[in-house]
Amino acid sequence: MGCGGQLELLLLLSQIGRDVRGEVLCFAKEQMASHKIAHTTLKGPSVIKEIVIGLALGLFAGGLWKMHHWNEQRRTRAFYDMLEKGEISVVVEEE
């Protein structure tokens, strides 16, 4: 069964998609039922998101580095305070 000249039958059967004998009818693109499914599209990297993530990681790493240096500074200051008070010595005592 062809598509030409049978517009009423075609429109009637466009909802079922088959004719009476079970043969698939050919439909024009305007009459075909298309299912629209929302698909996520892959996009490139987001510049703002990359900047925010970079800033967050940089501040976190910088904070850890700064805390390490504060700890080292505290230990050095404690060493020199104890050395000045005479509690420790860098000279080996002779026996």
N, C-alpha and C. Protein backbone atom coordinates (compact mmCIF):
# COMPACT_ATOMS: atom_id res chain seq x y z
N MET A 1 0.86 -1.17 0.00
CA MET A 1 0.00 0.00 0.00
C MET A 1 0.90 1.23 0.00
N GLY A 2 0.73 2.13 -0.93
CA GLY A 2 1.57 3.31 -1.05
C GLY A 2 1.04 4.48 -0.25
N CYS A 3 1.76 5.58 -0.33
CA CYS A 3 1.40 6.77 0.43
C CYS A 3 0.59 7.77 -0.38
N GLY A 4 0.56 7.66 -1.67
CA GLY A 4 -0.06 8.68 -2.48
C GLY A 4 -1.57 8.59 -2.52
N GLY A 5 -2.27 9.73 -2.35
CA GLY A 5 -3.69 9.83 -2.52
C GLY A 5 -4.54 9.28 -1.40
N GLN A 6 -4.00 8.82 -0.35
CA GLN A 6 -4.80 8.24 0.72
C GLN A 6 -4.59 9.02 2.02
N LEU A 7 -4.73 10.32 1.95
CA LEU A 7 -4.43 11.19 3.06
C LEU A 7 -5.36 10.97 4.25
N GLU A 8 -6.67 10.77 3.97
CA GLU A 8 -7.61 10.56 5.07
C GLU A 8 -7.29 9.27 5.83
N LEU A 9 -7.03 8.20 5.08
CA LEU A 9 -6.67 6.94 5.71
C LEU A 9 -5.36 7.07 6.47
N LEU A 10 -4.44 7.80 5.87
CA LEU A 10 -3.15 8.00 6.50
C LEU A 10 -3.28 8.77 7.80
N LEU A 11 -4.11 9.83 7.78
CA LEU A 11 -4.33 10.60 9.00
C LEU A 11 -5.06 9.77 10.07
N LEU A 12 -5.99 8.94 9.62
CA LEU A 12 -6.74 8.10 10.54
C LEU A 12 -5.84 7.07 11.20
N LEU A 13 -4.97 6.51 10.39
CA LEU A 13 -4.12 5.44 10.91
C LEU A 13 -2.78 5.94 11.44
N SER A 14 -2.57 7.25 11.42
CA SER A 14 -1.28 7.77 11.88
C SER A 14 -1.08 7.57 13.38
N GLN A 15 -2.18 7.42 14.10
CA GLN A 15 -2.05 7.20 15.53
C GLN A 15 -1.68 5.76 15.84
N ILE A 16 -2.12 4.83 15.02
CA ILE A 16 -1.76 3.44 15.27
C ILE A 16 -0.47 3.06 14.57
N GLY A 17 -0.21 3.61 13.42
CA GLY A 17 1.04 3.34 12.73
C GLY A 17 0.99 2.16 11.78
N ARG A 18 -0.15 1.48 11.67
CA ARG A 18 -0.25 0.32 10.79
C ARG A 18 -1.60 0.36 10.07
N ASP A 19 -1.66 -0.26 8.91
CA ASP A 19 -2.95 -0.31 8.22
C ASP A 19 -3.71 -1.55 8.67
N VAL A 20 -4.83 -1.81 8.03
CA VAL A 20 -5.72 -2.88 8.46
C VAL A 20 -5.07 -4.25 8.32
N ARG A 21 -4.24 -4.43 7.31
CA ARG A 21 -3.61 -5.74 7.11
C ARG A 21 -2.33 -5.91 7.92
N GLY A 22 -1.92 -4.89 8.69
CA GLY A 22 -0.71 -5.01 9.50
C GLY A 22 0.54 -4.50 8.82
N GLU A 23 0.39 -4.00 7.58
CA GLU A 23 1.57 -3.47 6.89
C GLU A 23 1.88 -2.08 7.43
N VAL A 24 3.13 -1.79 7.52
CA VAL A 24 3.53 -0.48 8.03
C VAL A 24 3.32 0.56 6.95
N LEU A 25 2.63 1.61 7.28
CA LEU A 25 2.40 2.70 6.33
C LEU A 25 3.60 3.63 6.34
N CYS A 26 3.86 4.25 5.20
CA CYS A 26 4.90 5.26 5.18
C CYS A 26 4.27 6.61 5.50
N PHE A 27 4.85 7.33 6.41
CA PHE A 27 4.30 8.60 6.87
C PHE A 27 5.23 9.73 6.46
N ALA A 28 4.64 10.87 6.23
CA ALA A 28 5.44 12.06 6.01
C ALA A 28 6.01 12.49 7.35
N LYS A 29 7.08 13.25 7.33
CA LYS A 29 7.73 13.65 8.58
C LYS A 29 6.81 14.46 9.49
N GLU A 30 5.87 15.20 8.92
CA GLU A 30 4.96 15.99 9.74
C GLU A 30 3.99 15.10 10.50
N GLN A 31 3.70 13.91 9.98
CA GLN A 31 2.70 13.05 10.57
C GLN A 31 3.29 11.97 11.47
N MET A 32 4.59 11.81 11.48
CA MET A 32 5.20 10.76 12.29
C MET A 32 5.21 11.18 13.75
N ALA A 33 4.88 10.25 14.60
CA ALA A 33 4.92 10.52 16.04
C ALA A 33 6.36 10.34 16.51
N SER A 34 6.92 11.38 17.05
CA SER A 34 8.29 11.27 17.55
C SER A 34 8.27 11.42 19.07
N HIS A 35 9.01 10.59 19.72
CA HIS A 35 9.10 10.65 21.18
C HIS A 35 10.27 11.54 21.54
N LYS A 36 9.99 12.54 22.32
CA LYS A 36 11.05 13.46 22.72
C LYS A 36 11.52 13.10 24.11
N ILE A 37 12.74 12.68 24.22
CA ILE A 37 13.34 12.30 25.48
C ILE A 37 14.42 13.32 25.80
N ALA A 38 14.39 13.83 27.01
CA ALA A 38 15.40 14.82 27.40
C ALA A 38 16.71 14.10 27.71
N HIS A 39 17.71 14.41 26.94
CA HIS A 39 19.05 13.86 27.16
C HIS A 39 19.97 14.98 27.61
N THR A 40 20.88 14.64 28.49
CA THR A 40 21.86 15.65 28.89
C THR A 40 22.90 15.77 27.79
N THR A 41 23.25 16.99 27.50
CA THR A 41 24.27 17.21 26.49
C THR A 41 25.59 17.47 27.18
N LEU A 42 26.63 16.91 26.63
CA LEU A 42 27.96 17.12 27.20
C LEU A 42 28.46 18.49 26.76
N LYS A 43 28.88 19.24 27.73
CA LYS A 43 29.39 20.58 27.45
C LYS A 43 30.87 20.62 27.79
N GLY A 44 31.52 21.66 27.36
CA GLY A 44 32.91 21.85 27.69
C GLY A 44 33.05 22.29 29.14
N PRO A 45 34.27 22.49 29.58
CA PRO A 45 34.48 22.89 30.98
C PRO A 45 33.91 24.28 31.24
N SER A 46 33.32 24.45 32.40
CA SER A 46 32.78 25.73 32.81
C SER A 46 33.91 26.56 33.41
N VAL A 47 34.16 27.71 32.85
CA VAL A 47 35.29 28.54 33.28
C VAL A 47 35.08 29.04 34.71
N ILE A 48 33.88 29.49 35.02
CA ILE A 48 33.61 30.00 36.36
C ILE A 48 33.76 28.88 37.39
N LYS A 49 33.24 27.69 37.06
CA LYS A 49 33.34 26.55 37.97
C LYS A 49 34.80 26.18 38.19
N GLU A 50 35.59 26.18 37.14
CA GLU A 50 37.02 25.85 37.26
C GLU A 50 37.74 26.87 38.13
N ILE A 51 37.40 28.15 37.97
CA ILE A 51 38.04 29.20 38.77
C ILE A 51 37.69 29.04 40.24
N VAL A 52 36.42 28.77 40.53
CA VAL A 52 35.97 28.62 41.92
C VAL A 52 36.63 27.40 42.56
N ILE A 53 36.68 26.29 41.84
CA ILE A 53 37.32 25.08 42.37
C ILE A 53 38.80 25.32 42.60
N GLY A 54 39.46 26.00 41.65
CA GLY A 54 40.88 26.30 41.80
C GLY A 54 41.15 27.20 42.99
N LEU A 55 40.31 28.22 43.17
CA LEU A 55 40.48 29.10 44.34
C LEU A 55 40.29 28.36 45.65
N ALA A 56 39.28 27.51 45.70
CA ALA A 56 39.00 26.75 46.93
C ALA A 56 40.16 25.81 47.26
N LEU A 57 40.65 25.09 46.26
CA LEU A 57 41.78 24.19 46.50
C LEU A 57 43.05 24.96 46.86
N GLY A 58 43.27 26.10 46.20
CA GLY A 58 44.45 26.92 46.49
C GLY A 58 44.41 27.48 47.91
N LEU A 59 43.25 27.96 48.33
CA LEU A 59 43.14 28.49 49.69
C LEU A 59 43.31 27.39 50.73
N PHE A 60 42.76 26.21 50.46
CA PHE A 60 42.91 25.09 51.38
C PHE A 60 44.38 24.68 51.51
N ALA A 61 45.05 24.51 50.37
CA ALA A 61 46.47 24.12 50.39
C ALA A 61 47.32 25.21 51.03
N GLY A 62 47.02 26.48 50.73
CA GLY A 62 47.76 27.58 51.34
C GLY A 62 47.57 27.63 52.84
N GLY A 63 46.36 27.35 53.31
CA GLY A 63 46.10 27.32 54.75
C GLY A 63 46.89 26.21 55.44
N LEU A 64 46.95 25.04 54.81
CA LEU A 64 47.75 23.94 55.39
C LEU A 64 49.23 24.31 55.44
N TRP A 65 49.72 24.92 54.37
CA TRP A 65 51.13 25.32 54.31
C TRP A 65 51.44 26.37 55.38
N LYS A 66 50.53 27.32 55.54
CA LYS A 66 50.72 28.38 56.54
C LYS A 66 50.71 27.79 57.95
N MET A 67 49.80 26.86 58.23
CA MET A 67 49.75 26.23 59.55
C MET A 67 51.04 25.46 59.83
N HIS A 68 51.58 24.81 58.80
CA HIS A 68 52.86 24.11 58.97
C HIS A 68 53.97 25.08 59.34
N HIS A 69 54.01 26.22 58.67
CA HIS A 69 55.06 27.20 58.98
C HIS A 69 54.85 27.84 60.34
N TRP A 70 53.61 28.07 60.77
CA TRP A 70 53.37 28.59 62.10
C TRP A 70 53.85 27.60 63.16
N ASN A 71 53.64 26.32 62.91
CA ASN A 71 54.09 25.29 63.84
C ASN A 71 55.62 25.27 63.93
N GLU A 72 56.28 25.35 62.78
CA GLU A 72 57.74 25.39 62.78
C GLU A 72 58.27 26.64 63.49
N GLN A 73 57.61 27.78 63.28
CA GLN A 73 58.02 29.02 63.92
C GLN A 73 57.85 28.92 65.45
N ARG A 74 56.75 28.33 65.89
CA ARG A 74 56.51 28.14 67.32
C ARG A 74 57.58 27.26 67.93
N ARG A 75 57.95 26.16 67.25
CA ARG A 75 58.98 25.26 67.76
C ARG A 75 60.34 25.95 67.82
N THR A 76 60.68 26.76 66.81
CA THR A 76 61.95 27.48 66.80
C THR A 76 62.00 28.51 67.92
N ARG A 77 60.91 29.25 68.09
CA ARG A 77 60.83 30.25 69.17
C ARG A 77 60.96 29.59 70.54
N ALA A 78 60.30 28.44 70.73
CA ALA A 78 60.40 27.71 72.01
C ALA A 78 61.83 27.24 72.25
N PHE A 79 62.51 26.78 71.19
CA PHE A 79 63.90 26.34 71.34
C PHE A 79 64.80 27.48 71.79
N TYR A 80 64.69 28.65 71.14
CA TYR A 80 65.55 29.77 71.51
C TYR A 80 65.19 30.34 72.88
N ASP A 81 63.91 30.28 73.26
CA ASP A 81 63.53 30.72 74.62
C ASP A 81 64.16 29.81 75.67
N MET A 82 64.09 28.49 75.45
CA MET A 82 64.70 27.55 76.40
C MET A 82 66.21 27.71 76.42
N LEU A 83 66.84 28.00 75.27
CA LEU A 83 68.29 28.20 75.20
C LEU A 83 68.68 29.46 75.97
N GLU A 84 67.88 30.52 75.85
CA GLU A 84 68.16 31.77 76.54
C GLU A 84 68.00 31.63 78.05
N LYS A 85 67.03 30.85 78.51
CA LYS A 85 66.81 30.65 79.93
C LYS A 85 67.83 29.70 80.54
N GLY A 86 68.59 29.02 79.71
CA GLY A 86 69.59 28.08 80.22
C GLY A 86 69.04 26.69 80.49
N GLU A 87 67.84 26.44 80.08
CA GLU A 87 67.26 25.11 80.32
C GLU A 87 67.91 24.05 79.44
N ILE A 88 68.40 24.46 78.25
CA ILE A 88 69.09 23.54 77.36
C ILE A 88 70.38 24.20 76.92
N SER A 89 71.26 23.40 76.34
CA SER A 89 72.53 23.92 75.84
C SER A 89 72.86 23.22 74.55
N VAL A 90 73.58 23.95 73.68
CA VAL A 90 74.02 23.34 72.43
C VAL A 90 75.47 22.86 72.53
N VAL A 91 76.10 23.16 73.66
CA VAL A 91 77.47 22.75 73.88
C VAL A 91 77.45 21.42 74.63
N VAL A 92 78.25 20.50 74.17
CA VAL A 92 78.33 19.19 74.82
C VAL A 92 79.13 19.34 76.11
N GLU A 93 78.58 18.86 77.23
CA GLU A 93 79.27 18.96 78.52
C GLU A 93 80.41 17.97 78.58
N GLU A 94 81.54 18.42 79.13
CA GLU A 94 82.66 17.54 79.30
C GLU A 94 82.51 16.78 80.62
N GLU A 95 82.94 15.56 80.62
CA GLU A 95 82.84 14.77 81.82
C GLU A 95 84.14 14.65 82.53
